[in-house]
Amino acid sequence: MLERRQALVALLAAGAAACLASPRATGGAAASGAAAASAPPARTVVIEGMAYTPAALTVRRGERITWVNRDIVPHTVTARDGSFDSGSIAAGASWSNVAKRTGRLDYACTFHPTMTATLVVR
C-alpha cells in the first residue's frame, strides 16, 4: 500500500511539474526575452509532508509566488489577515499570487491549522 501511495505521489508531482512548465499553465504563450527580463522573478513554495517549504520566504513587492501541492491531500494557502486565500489546492496542483503590499504575512492551511508559514514582502 505504501509503495502504491509513493508511486501516486511521484506521478502527481511529475504531472504538476509538466503543467508548470507548459506555456498554457502561465496563461498563454511564452514571454519574449525582453518581457521576461523585465518581469519580476517567480518564487516557489512546495507543500509536502504536511508543511510549507520554505516555512519563511522573503520577496519583493510585485513578485509572483507559486505554491505547489506535492501532498496526496488538498491544502489551502490562507493569510491570517485575510489578504489572500487560495481556496482548495488539489494534490498535484498549484496556485499563484502576486505580493501586493509590504509587511509580514502569516498564513496557514484551513484544512490543517498546524501547517503555518510566513511571507515577508519588502
PDB file of N, CA and C in Angstrom:
ATOM      1  N   MET A   1       0.827  -1.192   0.000  1.00  0.00           N
ATOM      2  CA  MET A   1       0.000   0.000   0.000  1.00  0.00           C
ATOM      3  C   MET A   1       0.870   1.254   0.000  1.00  0.00           C
ATOM      4  N   LEU A   2       1.943   1.247   0.823  1.00  0.00           N
ATOM      5  CA  LEU A   2       2.831   2.387   0.892  1.00  0.00           C
ATOM      6  C   LEU A   2       3.511   2.630  -0.451  1.00  0.00           C
ATOM      7  N   GLU A   3       3.943   1.558  -1.124  1.00  0.00           N
ATOM      8  CA  GLU A   3       4.586   1.709  -2.429  1.00  0.00           C
ATOM      9  C   GLU A   3       3.625   2.305  -3.443  1.00  0.00           C
ATOM     10  N   ARG A   4       2.374   1.904  -3.385  1.00  0.00           N
ATOM     11  CA  ARG A   4       1.361   2.451  -4.292  1.00  0.00           C
ATOM     12  C   ARG A   4       1.159   3.936  -4.052  1.00  0.00           C
ATOM     13  N   ARG A   5       1.109   4.318  -2.774  1.00  0.00           N
ATOM     14  CA  ARG A   5       0.930   5.729  -2.418  1.00  0.00           C
ATOM     15  C   ARG A   5       2.123   6.550  -2.885  1.00  0.00           C
ATOM     16  N   GLN A   6       3.334   6.035  -2.690  1.00  0.00           N
ATOM     17  CA  GLN A   6       4.533   6.744  -3.129  1.00  0.00           C
ATOM     18  C   GLN A   6       4.555   6.888  -4.643  1.00  0.00           C
ATOM     19  N   ALA A   7       4.125   5.849  -5.351  1.00  0.00           N
ATOM     20  CA  ALA A   7       4.070   5.913  -6.812  1.00  0.00           C
ATOM     21  C   ALA A   7       3.055   6.960  -7.252  1.00  0.00           C
ATOM     22  N   LEU A   8       1.906   7.027  -6.571  1.00  0.00           N
ATOM     23  CA  LEU A   8       0.883   8.018  -6.898  1.00  0.00           C
ATOM     24  C   LEU A   8       1.391   9.428  -6.646  1.00  0.00           C
ATOM     25  N   VAL A   9       2.066   9.641  -5.526  1.00  0.00           N
ATOM     26  CA  VAL A   9       2.629  10.955  -5.219  1.00  0.00           C
ATOM     27  C   VAL A   9       3.647  11.356  -6.276  1.00  0.00           C
ATOM     28  N   ALA A  10       4.512  10.420  -6.679  1.00  0.00           N
ATOM     29  CA  ALA A  10       5.521  10.714  -7.711  1.00  0.00           C
ATOM     30  C   ALA A  10       4.851  11.056  -9.036  1.00  0.00           C
ATOM     31  N   LEU A  11       3.799  10.331  -9.383  1.00  0.00           N
ATOM     32  CA  LEU A  11       3.079  10.582 -10.622  1.00  0.00           C
ATOM     33  C   LEU A  11       2.414  11.956 -10.595  1.00  0.00           C
ATOM     34  N   LEU A  12       1.781  12.297  -9.485  1.00  0.00           N
ATOM     35  CA  LEU A  12       1.135  13.604  -9.357  1.00  0.00           C
ATOM     36  C   LEU A  12       2.160  14.737  -9.410  1.00  0.00           C
ATOM     37  N   ALA A  13       3.289  14.556  -8.761  1.00  0.00           N
ATOM     38  CA  ALA A  13       4.330  15.571  -8.780  1.00  0.00           C
ATOM     39  C   ALA A  13       4.864  15.775 -10.192  1.00  0.00           C
ATOM     40  N   ALA A  14       5.057  14.687 -10.933  1.00  0.00           N
ATOM     41  CA  ALA A  14       5.537  14.797 -12.314  1.00  0.00           C
ATOM     42  C   ALA A  14       4.515  15.527 -13.173  1.00  0.00           C
ATOM     43  N   GLY A  15       3.241  15.239 -12.964  1.00  0.00           N
ATOM     44  CA  GLY A  15       2.192  15.928 -13.717  1.00  0.00           C
ATOM     45  C   GLY A  15       2.153  17.402 -13.401  1.00  0.00           C
ATOM     46  N   ALA A  16       2.307  17.760 -12.129  1.00  0.00           N
ATOM     47  CA  ALA A  16       2.316  19.175 -11.735  1.00  0.00           C
ATOM     48  C   ALA A  16       3.509  19.888 -12.357  1.00  0.00           C
ATOM     49  N   ALA A  17       4.660  19.237 -12.352  1.00  0.00           N
ATOM     50  CA  ALA A  17       5.850  19.846 -12.947  1.00  0.00           C
ATOM     51  C   ALA A  17       5.649  20.075 -14.443  1.00  0.00           C
ATOM     52  N   ALA A  18       5.032  19.116 -15.106  1.00  0.00           N
ATOM     53  CA  ALA A  18       4.781  19.262 -16.541  1.00  0.00           C
ATOM     54  C   ALA A  18       3.799  20.395 -16.799  1.00  0.00           C
ATOM     55  N   CYS A  19       2.794  20.518 -15.961  1.00  0.00           N
ATOM     56  CA  CYS A  19       1.819  21.610 -16.131  1.00  0.00           C
ATOM     57  C   CYS A  19       2.473  22.959 -15.909  1.00  0.00           C
ATOM     58  N   LEU A  20       3.337  23.053 -14.890  1.00  0.00           N
ATOM     59  CA  LEU A  20       4.004  24.317 -14.614  1.00  0.00           C
ATOM     60  C   LEU A  20       4.961  24.705 -15.729  1.00  0.00           C
ATOM     61  N   ALA A  21       5.537  23.727 -16.400  1.00  0.00           N
ATOM     62  CA  ALA A  21       6.474  24.006 -17.476  1.00  0.00           C
ATOM     63  C   ALA A  21       5.760  24.397 -18.772  1.00  0.00           C
ATOM     64  N   SER A  22       4.497  24.083 -18.869  1.00  0.00           N
ATOM     65  CA  SER A  22       3.740  24.361 -20.081  1.00  0.00           C
ATOM     66  C   SER A  22       3.395  25.838 -20.195  1.00  0.00           C
ATOM     67  N   PRO A  23       3.501  26.447 -21.396  1.00  0.00           N
ATOM     68  CA  PRO A  23       3.088  27.829 -21.575  1.00  0.00           C
ATOM     69  C   PRO A  23       1.621  28.041 -21.211  1.00  0.00           C
ATOM     70  N   ARG A  24       0.790  27.033 -21.374  1.00  0.00           N
ATOM     71  CA  ARG A  24      -0.631  27.168 -21.045  1.00  0.00           C
ATOM     72  C   ARG A  24      -0.825  27.370 -19.552  1.00  0.00           C
ATOM     73  N   ALA A  25       0.076  26.816 -18.721  1.00  0.00           N
ATOM     74  CA  ALA A  25      -0.054  26.938 -17.271  1.00  0.00           C
ATOM     75  C   ALA A  25       0.120  28.377 -16.821  1.00  0.00           C
ATOM     76  N   THR A  26       0.837  29.188 -17.598  1.00  0.00           N
ATOM     77  CA  THR A  26       1.042  30.576 -17.223  1.00  0.00           C
ATOM     78  C   THR A  26       0.062  31.501 -17.927  1.00  0.00           C
ATOM     79  N   GLY A  27      -0.878  30.945 -18.642  1.00  0.00           N
ATOM     80  CA  GLY A  27      -1.925  31.753 -19.243  1.00  0.00           C
ATOM     81  C   GLY A  27      -1.656  32.214 -20.655  1.00  0.00           C
ATOM     82  N   GLY A  28      -0.739  31.571 -21.359  1.00  0.00           N
ATOM     83  CA  GLY A  28      -0.530  31.977 -22.738  1.00  0.00           C
ATOM     84  C   GLY A  28       0.822  31.549 -23.247  1.00  0.00           C
ATOM     85  N   ALA A  29       1.226  32.176 -24.321  1.00  0.00           N
ATOM     86  CA  ALA A  29       2.492  31.835 -24.947  1.00  0.00           C
ATOM     87  C   ALA A  29       3.647  32.262 -24.062  1.00  0.00           C
ATOM     88  N   ALA A  30       4.791  31.656 -24.286  1.00  0.00           N
ATOM     89  CA  ALA A  30       5.981  32.007 -23.522  1.00  0.00           C
ATOM     90  C   ALA A  30       6.337  33.464 -23.766  1.00  0.00           C
ATOM     91  N   ALA A  31       6.858  34.117 -22.736  1.00  0.00           N
ATOM     92  CA  ALA A  31       7.196  35.531 -22.835  1.00  0.00           C
ATOM     93  C   ALA A  31       8.424  35.711 -23.709  1.00  0.00           C
ATOM     94  N   SER A  32       8.497  36.859 -24.377  1.00  0.00           N
ATOM     95  CA  SER A  32       9.675  37.153 -25.180  1.00  0.00           C
ATOM     96  C   SER A  32      10.842  37.446 -24.253  1.00  0.00           C
ATOM     97  N   GLY A  33      12.051  37.417 -24.777  1.00  0.00           N
ATOM     98  CA  GLY A  33      13.242  37.668 -23.975  1.00  0.00           C
ATOM     99  C   GLY A  33      13.195  39.005 -23.273  1.00  0.00           C
ATOM    100  N   ALA A  34      12.747  40.069 -23.956  1.00  0.00           N
ATOM    101  CA  ALA A  34      12.685  41.397 -23.352  1.00  0.00           C
ATOM    102  C   ALA A  34      11.654  41.434 -22.237  1.00  0.00           C
ATOM    103  N   ALA A  35      10.489  40.843 -22.466  1.00  0.00           N
ATOM    104  CA  ALA A  35       9.446  40.849 -21.445  1.00  0.00           C
ATOM    105  C   ALA A  35       9.868  40.013 -20.249  1.00  0.00           C
ATOM    106  N   ALA A  36      10.510  38.877 -20.498  1.00  0.00           N
ATOM    107  CA  ALA A  36      10.940  38.016 -19.403  1.00  0.00           C
ATOM    108  C   ALA A  36      12.014  38.698 -18.569  1.00  0.00           C
ATOM    109  N   ALA A  37      12.885  39.471 -19.198  1.00  0.00           N
ATOM    110  CA  ALA A  37      13.949  40.142 -18.469  1.00  0.00           C
ATOM    111  C   ALA A  37      13.406  41.224 -17.559  1.00  0.00           C
ATOM    112  N   SER A  38      12.297  41.873 -17.922  1.00  0.00           N
ATOM    113  CA  SER A  38      11.759  42.952 -17.104  1.00  0.00           C
ATOM    114  C   SER A  38      10.752  42.471 -16.072  1.00  0.00           C
ATOM    115  N   ALA A  39      10.271  41.237 -16.189  1.00  0.00           N
ATOM    116  CA  ALA A  39       9.287  40.710 -15.253  1.00  0.00           C
ATOM    117  C   ALA A  39       9.963  40.351 -13.933  1.00  0.00           C
ATOM    118  N   PRO A  40       9.271  40.604 -12.813  1.00  0.00           N
ATOM    119  CA  PRO A  40       9.854  40.203 -11.528  1.00  0.00           C
ATOM    120  C   PRO A  40      10.023  38.685 -11.461  1.00  0.00           C
ATOM    121  N   PRO A  41      11.008  38.212 -10.727  1.00  0.00           N
ATOM    122  CA  PRO A  41      11.232  36.765 -10.645  1.00  0.00           C
ATOM    123  C   PRO A  41      10.075  36.065  -9.939  1.00  0.00           C
ATOM    124  N   ALA A  42       9.879  34.796 -10.283  1.00  0.00           N
ATOM    125  CA  ALA A  42       8.847  33.980  -9.641  1.00  0.00           C
ATOM    126  C   ALA A  42       9.488  33.200  -8.503  1.00  0.00           C
ATOM    127  N   ARG A  43       8.745  32.987  -7.447  1.00  0.00           N
ATOM    128  CA  ARG A  43       9.218  32.227  -6.292  1.00  0.00           C
ATOM    129  C   ARG A  43       8.288  31.050  -6.069  1.00  0.00           C
ATOM    130  N   THR A  44       8.810  29.953  -5.505  1.00  0.00           N
ATOM    131  CA  THR A  44       8.011  28.748  -5.310  1.00  0.00           C
ATOM    132  C   THR A  44       8.073  28.281  -3.860  1.00  0.00           C
ATOM    133  N   VAL A  45       6.915  27.890  -3.349  1.00  0.00           N
ATOM    134  CA  VAL A  45       6.803  27.243  -2.045  1.00  0.00           C
ATOM    135  C   VAL A  45       6.214  25.859  -2.316  1.00  0.00           C
ATOM    136  N   VAL A  46       6.864  24.832  -1.809  1.00  0.00           N
ATOM    137  CA  VAL A  46       6.394  23.463  -2.001  1.00  0.00           C
ATOM    138  C   VAL A  46       5.600  23.037  -0.771  1.00  0.00           C
ATOM    139  N   ILE A  47       4.434  22.453  -1.020  1.00  0.00           N
ATOM    140  CA  ILE A  47       3.619  21.895   0.061  1.00  0.00           C
ATOM    141  C   ILE A  47       3.813  20.387  -0.004  1.00  0.00           C
ATOM    142  N   GLU A  48       4.482  19.864   1.028  1.00  0.00           N
ATOM    143  CA  GLU A  48       4.796  18.437   1.030  1.00  0.00           C
ATOM    144  C   GLU A  48       5.049  17.991   2.461  1.00  0.00           C
ATOM    145  N   GLY A  49       4.610  16.795   2.792  1.00  0.00           N
ATOM    146  CA  GLY A  49       4.812  16.296   4.150  1.00  0.00           C
ATOM    147  C   GLY A  49       4.070  17.121   5.175  1.00  0.00           C
ATOM    148  N   MET A  50       2.897  17.656   4.768  1.00  0.00           N
ATOM    149  CA  MET A  50       2.060  18.481   5.640  1.00  0.00           C
ATOM    150  C   MET A  50       2.816  19.715   6.143  1.00  0.00           C
ATOM    151  N   ALA A  51       3.623  20.321   5.252  1.00  0.00           N
ATOM    152  CA  ALA A  51       4.387  21.516   5.605  1.00  0.00           C
ATOM    153  C   ALA A  51       4.622  22.366   4.362  1.00  0.00           C
ATOM    154  N   TYR A  52       4.828  23.667   4.586  1.00  0.00           N
ATOM    155  CA  TYR A  52       5.222  24.596   3.530  1.00  0.00           C
ATOM    156  C   TYR A  52       6.747  24.699   3.569  1.00  0.00           C
ATOM    157  N   THR A  53       7.398  24.565   2.410  1.00  0.00           N
ATOM    158  CA  THR A  53       8.857  24.688   2.342  1.00  0.00           C
ATOM    159  C   THR A  53       9.225  25.668   1.241  1.00  0.00           C
ATOM    160  N   PRO A  54       9.878  26.775   1.583  1.00  0.00           N
ATOM    161  CA  PRO A  54      10.361  27.137   2.909  1.00  0.00           C
ATOM    162  C   PRO A  54       9.227  27.646   3.806  1.00  0.00           C
ATOM    163  N   ALA A  55       9.444  27.540   5.110  1.00  0.00           N
ATOM    164  CA  ALA A  55       8.439  27.986   6.076  1.00  0.00           C
ATOM    165  C   ALA A  55       8.432  29.501   6.207  1.00  0.00           C
ATOM    166  N   ALA A  56       9.518  30.137   5.807  1.00  0.00           N
ATOM    167  CA  ALA A  56       9.595  31.601   5.789  1.00  0.00           C
ATOM    168  C   ALA A  56      10.236  32.007   4.466  1.00  0.00           C
ATOM    169  N   LEU A  57       9.599  32.928   3.769  1.00  0.00           N
ATOM    170  CA  LEU A  57      10.083  33.371   2.463  1.00  0.00           C
ATOM    171  C   LEU A  57      10.012  34.887   2.406  1.00  0.00           C
ATOM    172  N   THR A  58      11.105  35.516   1.972  1.00  0.00           N
ATOM    173  CA  THR A  58      11.137  36.970   1.796  1.00  0.00           C
ATOM    174  C   THR A  58      11.166  37.274   0.310  1.00  0.00           C
ATOM    175  N   VAL A  59      10.242  38.129  -0.134  1.00  0.00           N
ATOM    176  CA  VAL A  59      10.130  38.511  -1.542  1.00  0.00           C
ATOM    177  C   VAL A  59      10.012  40.027  -1.643  1.00  0.00           C
ATOM    178  N   ARG A  60      10.125  40.516  -2.864  1.00  0.00           N
ATOM    179  CA  ARG A  60       9.887  41.932  -3.127  1.00  0.00           C
ATOM    180  C   ARG A  60       8.439  42.123  -3.551  1.00  0.00           C
ATOM    181  N   ARG A  61       7.911  43.301  -3.272  1.00  0.00           N
ATOM    182  CA  ARG A  61       6.566  43.621  -3.734  1.00  0.00           C
ATOM    183  C   ARG A  61       6.541  43.478  -5.255  1.00  0.00           C
ATOM    184  N   GLY A  62       5.505  42.849  -5.777  1.00  0.00           N
ATOM    185  CA  GLY A  62       5.375  42.618  -7.209  1.00  0.00           C
ATOM    186  C   GLY A  62       5.838  41.244  -7.659  1.00  0.00           C
ATOM    187  N   GLU A  63       6.529  40.518  -6.791  1.00  0.00           N
ATOM    188  CA  GLU A  63       6.962  39.169  -7.154  1.00  0.00           C
ATOM    189  C   GLU A  63       5.785  38.203  -7.097  1.00  0.00           C
ATOM    190  N   ARG A  64       5.810  37.217  -7.984  1.00  0.00           N
ATOM    191  CA  ARG A  64       4.785  36.163  -8.006  1.00  0.00           C
ATOM    192  C   ARG A  64       5.304  34.978  -7.213  1.00  0.00           C
ATOM    193  N   ILE A  65       4.458  34.478  -6.314  1.00  0.00           N
ATOM    194  CA  ILE A  65       4.783  33.304  -5.524  1.00  0.00           C
ATOM    195  C   ILE A  65       3.836  32.186  -5.951  1.00  0.00           C
ATOM    196  N   THR A  66       4.380  31.008  -6.214  1.00  0.00           N
ATOM    197  CA  THR A  66       3.575  29.854  -6.590  1.00  0.00           C
ATOM    198  C   THR A  66       3.734  28.784  -5.524  1.00  0.00           C
ATOM    199  N   TRP A  67       2.600  28.293  -5.034  1.00  0.00           N
ATOM    200  CA  TRP A  67       2.575  27.189  -4.082  1.00  0.00           C
ATOM    201  C   TRP A  67       2.218  25.931  -4.856  1.00  0.00           C
ATOM    202  N   VAL A  68       3.052  24.897  -4.755  1.00  0.00           N
ATOM    203  CA  VAL A  68       2.860  23.637  -5.462  1.00  0.00           C
ATOM    204  C   VAL A  68       2.550  22.556  -4.433  1.00  0.00           C
ATOM    205  N   ASN A  69       1.385  21.924  -4.562  1.00  0.00           N
ATOM    206  CA  ASN A  69       0.967  20.896  -3.615  1.00  0.00           C
ATOM    207  C   ASN A  69       1.472  19.526  -4.065  1.00  0.00           C
ATOM    208  N   ARG A  70       2.475  19.021  -3.383  1.00  0.00           N
ATOM    209  CA  ARG A  70       3.015  17.694  -3.689  1.00  0.00           C
ATOM    210  C   ARG A  70       2.512  16.634  -2.708  1.00  0.00           C
ATOM    211  N   ASP A  71       1.597  17.016  -1.831  1.00  0.00           N
ATOM    212  CA  ASP A  71       0.988  16.049  -0.922  1.00  0.00           C
ATOM    213  C   ASP A  71      -0.115  15.298  -1.651  1.00  0.00           C
ATOM    214  N   ILE A  72      -0.652  14.267  -0.999  1.00  0.00           N
ATOM    215  CA  ILE A  72      -1.727  13.476  -1.613  1.00  0.00           C
ATOM    216  C   ILE A  72      -3.103  13.956  -1.179  1.00  0.00           C
ATOM    217  N   VAL A  73      -3.144  15.032  -0.401  1.00  0.00           N
ATOM    218  CA  VAL A  73      -4.408  15.609   0.061  1.00  0.00           C
ATOM    219  C   VAL A  73      -4.439  17.095  -0.310  1.00  0.00           C
ATOM    220  N   PRO A  74      -5.631  17.691  -0.415  1.00  0.00           N
ATOM    221  CA  PRO A  74      -5.704  19.117  -0.720  1.00  0.00           C
ATOM    222  C   PRO A  74      -5.260  19.977   0.461  1.00  0.00           C
ATOM    223  N   HIS A  75      -4.818  21.184   0.147  1.00  0.00           N
ATOM    224  CA  HIS A  75      -4.407  22.175   1.151  1.00  0.00           C
ATOM    225  C   HIS A  75      -4.884  23.548   0.697  1.00  0.00           C
ATOM    226  N   THR A  76      -4.780  24.524   1.593  1.00  0.00           N
ATOM    227  CA  THR A  76      -5.025  25.918   1.223  1.00  0.00           C
ATOM    228  C   THR A  76      -3.810  26.742   1.616  1.00  0.00           C
ATOM    229  N   VAL A  77      -3.755  27.940   1.062  1.00  0.00           N
ATOM    230  CA  VAL A  77      -2.773  28.950   1.446  1.00  0.00           C
ATOM    231  C   VAL A  77      -3.625  30.163   1.811  1.00  0.00           C
ATOM    232  N   THR A  78      -3.829  30.358   3.106  1.00  0.00           N
ATOM    233  CA  THR A  78      -4.779  31.357   3.583  1.00  0.00           C
ATOM    234  C   THR A  78      -4.097  32.314   4.552  1.00  0.00           C
ATOM    235  N   ALA A  79      -4.025  33.599   4.174  1.00  0.00           N
ATOM    236  CA  ALA A  79      -3.404  34.612   5.025  1.00  0.00           C
ATOM    237  C   ALA A  79      -4.242  34.812   6.283  1.00  0.00           C
ATOM    238  N   ARG A  80      -3.568  34.934   7.412  1.00  0.00           N
ATOM    239  CA  ARG A  80      -4.271  35.151   8.684  1.00  0.00           C
ATOM    240  C   ARG A  80      -5.060  36.454   8.664  1.00  0.00           C
ATOM    241  N   ASP A  81      -4.543  37.467   7.938  1.00  0.00           N
ATOM    242  CA  ASP A  81      -5.236  38.763   7.886  1.00  0.00           C
ATOM    243  C   ASP A  81      -6.290  38.830   6.782  1.00  0.00           C
ATOM    244  N   GLY A  82      -6.483  37.733   6.050  1.00  0.00           N
ATOM    245  CA  GLY A  82      -7.497  37.684   5.001  1.00  0.00           C
ATOM    246  C   GLY A  82      -7.088  38.315   3.682  1.00  0.00           C
ATOM    247  N   SER A  83      -5.823  38.704   3.532  1.00  0.00           N
ATOM    248  CA  SER A  83      -5.395  39.388   2.304  1.00  0.00           C
ATOM    249  C   SER A  83      -5.294  38.461   1.098  1.00  0.00           C
ATOM    250  N   PHE A  84      -5.166  37.158   1.302  1.00  0.00           N
ATOM    251  CA  PHE A  84      -5.211  36.206   0.198  1.00  0.00           C
ATOM    252  C   PHE A  84      -5.700  34.857   0.693  1.00  0.00           C
ATOM    253  N   ASP A  85      -6.312  34.109  -0.219  1.00  0.00           N
ATOM    254  CA  ASP A  85      -6.818  32.771   0.094  1.00  0.00           C
ATOM    255  C   ASP A  85      -6.880  31.984  -1.206  1.00  0.00           C
ATOM    256  N   SER A  86      -6.154  30.905  -1.244  1.00  0.00           N
ATOM    257  CA  SER A  86      -6.075  30.090  -2.458  1.00  0.00           C
ATOM    258  C   SER A  86      -7.331  29.269  -2.706  1.00  0.00           C
ATOM    259  N   GLY A  87      -8.130  29.045  -1.680  1.00  0.00           N
ATOM    260  CA  GLY A  87      -9.155  28.020  -1.797  1.00  0.00           C
ATOM    261  C   GLY A  87      -8.447  26.677  -1.795  1.00  0.00           C
ATOM    262  N   SER A  88      -9.162  25.621  -2.073  1.00  0.00           N
ATOM    263  CA  SER A  88      -8.587  24.279  -2.036  1.00  0.00           C
ATOM    264  C   SER A  88      -7.631  24.064  -3.216  1.00  0.00           C
ATOM    265  N   ILE A  89      -6.396  23.673  -2.900  1.00  0.00           N
ATOM    266  CA  ILE A  89      -5.400  23.318  -3.918  1.00  0.00           C
ATOM    267  C   ILE A  89      -5.313  21.794  -3.918  1.00  0.00           C
ATOM    268  N   ALA A  90      -5.762  21.171  -4.968  1.00  0.00           N
ATOM    269  CA  ALA A  90      -5.781  19.710  -5.054  1.00  0.00           C
ATOM    270  C   ALA A  90      -4.367  19.143  -5.074  1.00  0.00           C
ATOM    271  N   ALA A  91      -4.257  17.871  -4.724  1.00  0.00           N
ATOM    272  CA  ALA A  91      -2.974  17.175  -4.813  1.00  0.00           C
ATOM    273  C   ALA A  91      -2.455  17.277  -6.241  1.00  0.00           C
ATOM    274  N   GLY A  92      -1.189  17.670  -6.381  1.00  0.00           N
ATOM    275  CA  GLY A  92      -0.586  17.795  -7.696  1.00  0.00           C
ATOM    276  C   GLY A  92      -0.854  19.114  -8.403  1.00  0.00           C
ATOM    277  N   ALA A  93      -1.638  19.984  -7.796  1.00  0.00           N
ATOM    278  CA  ALA A  93      -1.972  21.276  -8.414  1.00  0.00           C
ATOM    279  C   ALA A  93      -1.146  22.392  -7.774  1.00  0.00           C
ATOM    280  N   SER A  94      -1.313  23.599  -8.316  1.00  0.00           N
ATOM    281  CA  SER A  94      -0.593  24.752  -7.782  1.00  0.00           C
ATOM    282  C   SER A  94      -1.495  25.977  -7.790  1.00  0.00           C
ATOM    283  N   TRP A  95      -1.047  27.019  -7.083  1.00  0.00           N
ATOM    284  CA  TRP A  95      -1.763  28.296  -7.018  1.00  0.00           C
ATOM    285  C   TRP A  95      -0.726  29.396  -6.918  1.00  0.00           C
ATOM    286  N   SER A  96      -0.968  30.508  -7.595  1.00  0.00           N
ATOM    287  CA  SER A  96      -0.031  31.632  -7.581  1.00  0.00           C
ATOM    288  C   SER A  96      -0.709  32.896  -7.094  1.00  0.00           C
ATOM    289  N   ASN A  97       0.110  33.773  -6.519  1.00  0.00           N
ATOM    290  CA  ASN A  97      -0.363  35.057  -6.031  1.00  0.00           C
ATOM    291  C   ASN A  97       0.781  36.060  -6.157  1.00  0.00           C
ATOM    292  N   VAL A  98       0.449  37.303  -6.463  1.00  0.00           N
ATOM    293  CA  VAL A  98       1.448  38.364  -6.553  1.00  0.00           C
ATOM    294  C   VAL A  98       1.464  39.118  -5.231  1.00  0.00           C
ATOM    295  N   ALA A  99       2.670  39.334  -4.672  1.00  0.00           N
ATOM    296  CA  ALA A  99       2.821  40.079  -3.424  1.00  0.00           C
ATOM    297  C   ALA A  99       2.506  41.546  -3.700  1.00  0.00           C
ATOM    298  N   LYS A 100       1.402  42.030  -3.156  1.00  0.00           N
ATOM    299  CA  LYS A 100       0.932  43.378  -3.480  1.00  0.00           C
ATOM    300  C   LYS A 100       1.317  44.440  -2.463  1.00  0.00           C
ATOM    301  N   ARG A 101       1.502  44.061  -1.196  1.00  0.00           N
ATOM    302  CA  ARG A 101       1.825  45.074  -0.193  1.00  0.00           C
ATOM    303  C   ARG A 101       2.938  44.575   0.706  1.00  0.00           C
ATOM    304  N   THR A 102       3.687  45.510   1.246  1.00  0.00           N
ATOM    305  CA  THR A 102       4.815  45.139   2.095  1.00  0.00           C
ATOM    306  C   THR A 102       4.338  44.746   3.492  1.00  0.00           C
ATOM    307  N   GLY A 103       5.173  43.984   4.158  1.00  0.00           N
ATOM    308  CA  GLY A 103       4.884  43.580   5.523  1.00  0.00           C
ATOM    309  C   GLY A 103       5.032  42.083   5.712  1.00  0.00           C
ATOM    310  N   ARG A 104       4.737  41.662   6.922  1.00  0.00           N
ATOM    311  CA  ARG A 104       4.810  40.237   7.288  1.00  0.00           C
ATOM    312  C   ARG A 104       3.412  39.648   7.189  1.00  0.00           C
ATOM    313  N   LEU A 105       3.291  38.564   6.431  1.00  0.00           N
ATOM    314  CA  LEU A 105       2.007  37.890   6.254  1.00  0.00           C
ATOM    315  C   LEU A 105       2.139  36.454   6.724  1.00  0.00           C
ATOM    316  N   ASP A 106       1.493  36.145   7.820  1.00  0.00           N
ATOM    317  CA  ASP A 106       1.453  34.766   8.295  1.00  0.00           C
ATOM    318  C   ASP A 106       0.302  34.074   7.586  1.00  0.00           C
ATOM    319  N   TYR A 107       0.512  32.818   7.195  1.00  0.00           N
ATOM    320  CA  TYR A 107      -0.546  32.078   6.530  1.00  0.00           C
ATOM    321  C   TYR A 107      -0.577  30.641   7.013  1.00  0.00           C
ATOM    322  N   ALA A 108      -1.690  29.968   6.723  1.00  0.00           N
ATOM    323  CA  ALA A 108      -1.884  28.594   7.186  1.00  0.00           C
ATOM    324  C   ALA A 108      -2.800  27.864   6.220  1.00  0.00           C
ATOM    325  N   CYS A 109      -2.903  26.567   6.430  1.00  0.00           N
ATOM    326  CA  CYS A 109      -3.847  25.738   5.693  1.00  0.00           C
ATOM    327  C   CYS A 109      -5.119  25.651   6.528  1.00  0.00           C
ATOM    328  N   THR A 110      -6.254  26.014   5.948  1.00  0.00           N
ATOM    329  CA  THR A 110      -7.501  25.969   6.718  1.00  0.00           C
ATOM    330  C   THR A 110      -7.920  24.532   7.020  1.00  0.00           C
ATOM    331  N   PHE A 111      -7.487  23.574   6.202  1.00  0.00           N
ATOM    332  CA  PHE A 111      -7.797  22.171   6.455  1.00  0.00           C
ATOM    333  C   PHE A 111      -6.916  21.578   7.553  1.00  0.00           C
ATOM    334  N   HIS A 112      -5.694  22.096   7.666  1.00  0.00           N
ATOM    335  CA  HIS A 112      -4.691  21.563   8.596  1.00  0.00           C
ATOM    336  C   HIS A 112      -4.043  22.748   9.320  1.00  0.00           C
ATOM    337  N   PRO A 113      -4.687  23.293  10.359  1.00  0.00           N
ATOM    338  CA  PRO A 113      -4.252  24.535  11.002  1.00  0.00           C
ATOM    339  C   PRO A 113      -2.838  24.503  11.598  1.00  0.00           C
ATOM    340  N   THR A 114      -2.270  23.323  11.790  1.00  0.00           N
ATOM    341  CA  THR A 114      -0.894  23.284  12.297  1.00  0.00           C
ATOM    342  C   THR A 114       0.119  23.578  11.198  1.00  0.00           C
ATOM    343  N   MET A 115      -0.324  23.591   9.958  1.00  0.00           N
ATOM    344  CA  MET A 115       0.548  23.952   8.832  1.00  0.00           C
ATOM    345  C   MET A 115       0.579  25.476   8.740  1.00  0.00           C
ATOM    346  N   THR A 116       1.697  26.076   9.106  1.00  0.00           N
ATOM    347  CA  THR A 116       1.812  27.525   9.075  1.00  0.00           C
ATOM    348  C   THR A 116       3.116  27.937   8.411  1.00  0.00           C
ATOM    349  N   ALA A 117       3.147  29.159   7.912  1.00  0.00           N
ATOM    350  CA  ALA A 117       4.356  29.708   7.303  1.00  0.00           C
ATOM    351  C   ALA A 117       4.230  31.231   7.289  1.00  0.00           C
ATOM    352  N   THR A 118       5.310  31.881   6.863  1.00  0.00           N
ATOM    353  CA  THR A 118       5.364  33.339   6.847  1.00  0.00           C
ATOM    354  C   THR A 118       5.910  33.835   5.517  1.00  0.00           C
ATOM    355  N   LEU A 119       5.258  34.859   4.990  1.00  0.00           N
ATOM    356  CA  LEU A 119       5.718  35.544   3.784  1.00  0.00           C
ATOM    357  C   LEU A 119       6.064  36.973   4.201  1.00  0.00           C
ATOM    358  N   VAL A 120       7.301  37.394   3.943  1.00  0.00           N
ATOM    359  CA  VAL A 120       7.714  38.759   4.236  1.00  0.00           C
ATOM    360  C   VAL A 120       7.879  39.465   2.897  1.00  0.00           C
ATOM    361  N   VAL A 121       7.153  40.556   2.728  1.00  0.00           N
ATOM    362  CA  VAL A 121       7.194  41.311   1.467  1.00  0.00           C
ATOM    363  C   VAL A 121       7.882  42.645   1.752  1.00  0.00           C
ATOM    364  N   ARG A 122       8.966  42.927   0.991  1.00  0.00           N
ATOM    365  CA  ARG A 122       9.731  44.178   1.172  1.00  0.00           C
ATOM    366  C   ARG A 122       9.522  45.124   0.039  1.00  0.00           C
TER     367      ARG A 122
END
